[in-house]
C-alpha atoms as a PDB file:
ATOM      1  CA  MET A   1       0.059   0.001  -0.237  1.00  0.00           C
ATOM      2  CA  GLN A   2       2.793   2.810   0.941  1.00  0.00           C
ATOM      3  CA  ASP A   3       4.496   1.714  -2.414  1.00  0.00           C
ATOM      4  CA  LYS A   4       1.100   2.964  -4.496  1.00  0.00           C
ATOM      5  CA  GLN A   5       1.268   6.207  -2.629  1.00  0.00           C
ATOM      6  CA  ASP A   6       4.583   6.800  -3.194  1.00  0.00           C
ATOM      7  CA  LYS A   7       4.198   6.213  -6.951  1.00  0.00           C
ATOM      8  CA  ARG A   8       0.986   8.706  -6.657  1.00  0.00           C
ATOM      9  CA  ARG A   9       3.157  11.384  -4.758  1.00  0.00           C
ATOM     10  CA  ALA A  10       5.927  10.867  -6.989  1.00  0.00           C
ATOM     11  CA  PHE A  11       3.520  11.495 -10.017  1.00  0.00           C
ATOM     12  CA  GLN A  12       1.717  14.197  -8.472  1.00  0.00           C
ATOM     13  CA  GLU A  13       4.834  16.327  -7.776  1.00  0.00           C
ATOM     14  CA  ALA A  14       5.993  16.492 -11.193  1.00  0.00           C
ATOM     15  CA  GLN A  15       2.427  17.043 -12.309  1.00  0.00           C
ATOM     16  CA  GLN A  16       2.266  20.413 -10.054  1.00  0.00           C
ATOM     17  CA  SER A  17       5.904  21.049 -11.116  1.00  0.00           C
ATOM     18  CA  TYR A  18       4.807  20.753 -14.825  1.00  0.00           C
ATOM     19  CA  HIS A  19       1.931  23.184 -13.500  1.00  0.00           C
ATOM     20  CA  GLN A  20       4.400  25.571 -11.981  1.00  0.00           C
ATOM     21  CA  VAL A  21       6.203  26.201 -15.263  1.00  0.00           C
ATOM     22  CA  TYR A  22       3.121  26.473 -17.345  1.00  0.00           C
ATOM     23  CA  ASP A  23       2.063  29.218 -14.834  1.00  0.00           C
ATOM     24  CA  VAL A  24       5.746  30.969 -14.950  1.00  0.00           C
ATOM     25  CA  TYR A  25       5.884  31.120 -18.338  1.00  0.00           C
ATOM     26  CA  SER A  26       2.735  32.433 -18.983  1.00  0.00           C
ATOM     27  CA  SER A  27       2.785  35.107 -16.285  1.00  0.00           C
ATOM     28  CA  ILE A  28       6.333  36.455 -18.227  1.00  0.00           C
ATOM     29  CA  GLU A  29       6.119  39.733 -19.784  1.00  0.00           C
ATOM     30  CA  LYS A  30       8.793  40.205 -22.536  1.00  0.00           C
ATOM     31  CA  THR A  31       8.878  44.307 -22.309  1.00  0.00           C
ATOM     32  CA  ALA A  32       9.110  44.282 -18.374  1.00  0.00           C
ATOM     33  CA  PRO A  33      12.206  45.893 -16.658  1.00  0.00           C
ATOM     34  CA  ASP A  34      12.770  42.425 -14.662  1.00  0.00           C
ATOM     35  CA  TYR A  35      12.481  39.989 -17.868  1.00  0.00           C
ATOM     36  CA  GLY A  36      15.965  38.472 -17.192  1.00  0.00           C
ATOM     37  CA  THR A  37      14.922  37.298 -13.402  1.00  0.00           C
ATOM     38  CA  GLU A  38      11.914  36.359 -14.788  1.00  0.00           C
ATOM     39  CA  LEU A  39      13.440  34.270 -17.372  1.00  0.00           C
ATOM     40  CA  LYS A  40      16.204  32.621 -14.557  1.00  0.00           C
ATOM     41  CA  HIS A  41      12.944  31.839 -12.786  1.00  0.00           C
ATOM     42  CA  VAL A  42      11.499  29.782 -16.004  1.00  0.00           C
ATOM     43  CA  LYS A  43      14.320  28.023 -16.072  1.00  0.00           C
ATOM     44  CA  GLN A  44      14.532  26.950 -12.488  1.00  0.00           C
ATOM     45  CA  GLU A  45      11.273  25.464 -12.429  1.00  0.00           C
ATOM     46  CA  VAL A  46      11.727  23.798 -15.628  1.00  0.00           C
ATOM     47  CA  ASN A  47      14.890  22.193 -14.460  1.00  0.00           C
ATOM     48  CA  GLU A  48      12.440  21.187 -11.302  1.00  0.00           C
ATOM     49  CA  ALA A  49      10.188  19.900 -13.194  1.00  0.00           C
ATOM     50  CA  TYR A  50      12.456  17.611 -15.524  1.00  0.00           C
ATOM     51  CA  GLN A  51      13.641  16.375 -11.990  1.00  0.00           C
ATOM     52  CA  GLN A  52      10.055  15.685 -10.596  1.00  0.00           C
ATOM     53  CA  ILE A  53       9.474  13.679 -13.748  1.00  0.00           C
ATOM     54  CA  GLN A  54      12.869  11.345 -13.931  1.00  0.00           C
ATOM     55  CA  THR A  55      11.908  10.363 -10.575  1.00  0.00           C
ATOM     56  CA  ALA A  56       8.488   9.767 -11.017  1.00  0.00           C
ATOM     57  CA  LEU A  57       9.238   7.970 -14.329  1.00  0.00           C
ATOM     58  CA  ILE A  58      10.824   5.581 -12.597  1.00  0.00           C
ATOM     59  CA  THR A  59       7.442   4.166 -10.790  1.00  0.00           C
ATOM     60  CA  ALA A  60       5.023   4.869 -12.638  1.00  0.00           C
ATOM     61  CA  SER A  61       2.071   3.174 -13.625  1.00  0.00           C
ATOM     62  CA  GLU A  62       1.994   3.042 -17.594  1.00  0.00           C
ATOM     63  CA  HIS A  63      -0.713   5.782 -17.674  1.00  0.00           C
ATOM     64  CA  GLN A  64       0.840   7.569 -15.837  1.00  0.00           C
ATOM     65  CA  ARG A  65       4.256   7.186 -18.203  1.00  0.00           C
ATOM     66  CA  VAL A  66       2.091   8.444 -20.768  1.00  0.00           C
ATOM     67  CA  GLN A  67       1.221  11.613 -19.092  1.00  0.00           C
ATOM     68  CA  LEU A  68       4.751  12.193 -17.620  1.00  0.00           C
ATOM     69  CA  LYS A  69       6.446  11.615 -21.485  1.00  0.00           C
ATOM     70  CA  GLN A  70       3.242  14.589 -22.678  1.00  0.00           C
ATOM     71  CA  PHE A  71       4.852  16.895 -19.945  1.00  0.00           C
ATOM     72  CA  GLU A  72       8.142  16.378 -21.041  1.00  0.00           C
ATOM     73  CA  GLN A  73       7.589  17.420 -24.242  1.00  0.00           C
ATOM     74  CA  ASP A  74       5.301  20.305 -23.409  1.00  0.00           C
ATOM     75  CA  ILE A  75       7.738  21.521 -21.270  1.00  0.00           C
ATOM     76  CA  SER A  76      10.300  20.966 -23.994  1.00  0.00           C
ATOM     77  CA  ALA A  77       7.892  23.049 -26.337  1.00  0.00           C
ATOM     78  CA  ILE A  78       8.327  25.890 -23.541  1.00  0.00           C
ATOM     79  CA  VAL A  79      11.964  25.862 -23.460  1.00  0.00           C
ATOM     80  CA  ASP A  80      12.630  26.013 -27.351  1.00  0.00           C
ATOM     81  CA  LYS A  81       9.848  29.073 -27.021  1.00  0.00           C
ATOM     82  CA  VAL A  82      11.746  30.649 -24.688  1.00  0.00           C
ATOM     83  CA  ASN A  83      15.517  30.174 -26.704  1.00  0.00           C
ATOM     84  CA  SER A  84      13.847  31.222 -30.006  1.00  0.00           C
ATOM     85  CA  GLU A  85      12.435  34.516 -28.032  1.00  0.00           C
ATOM     86  CA  TYR A  86      15.692  34.990 -26.908  1.00  0.00           C
END
């Protein structure tokens, strides 16, 4: 039972990190004076999300694995957008 809770917790943490990346990214304003600071925050959130996803993938069910891989792809798209804008 504990193992199942650990799997669920790892997935939920990865999911939460994924949403945090989107929240931080969507709040960035290119014309804001603190744009560089905001980009650093996005980078930090991206790194944390990737770590959480990798941890969750170790114990994920097949359904969770599909979702986690989608999270990775979505975050990668954000990174590509940021890199192309910067």
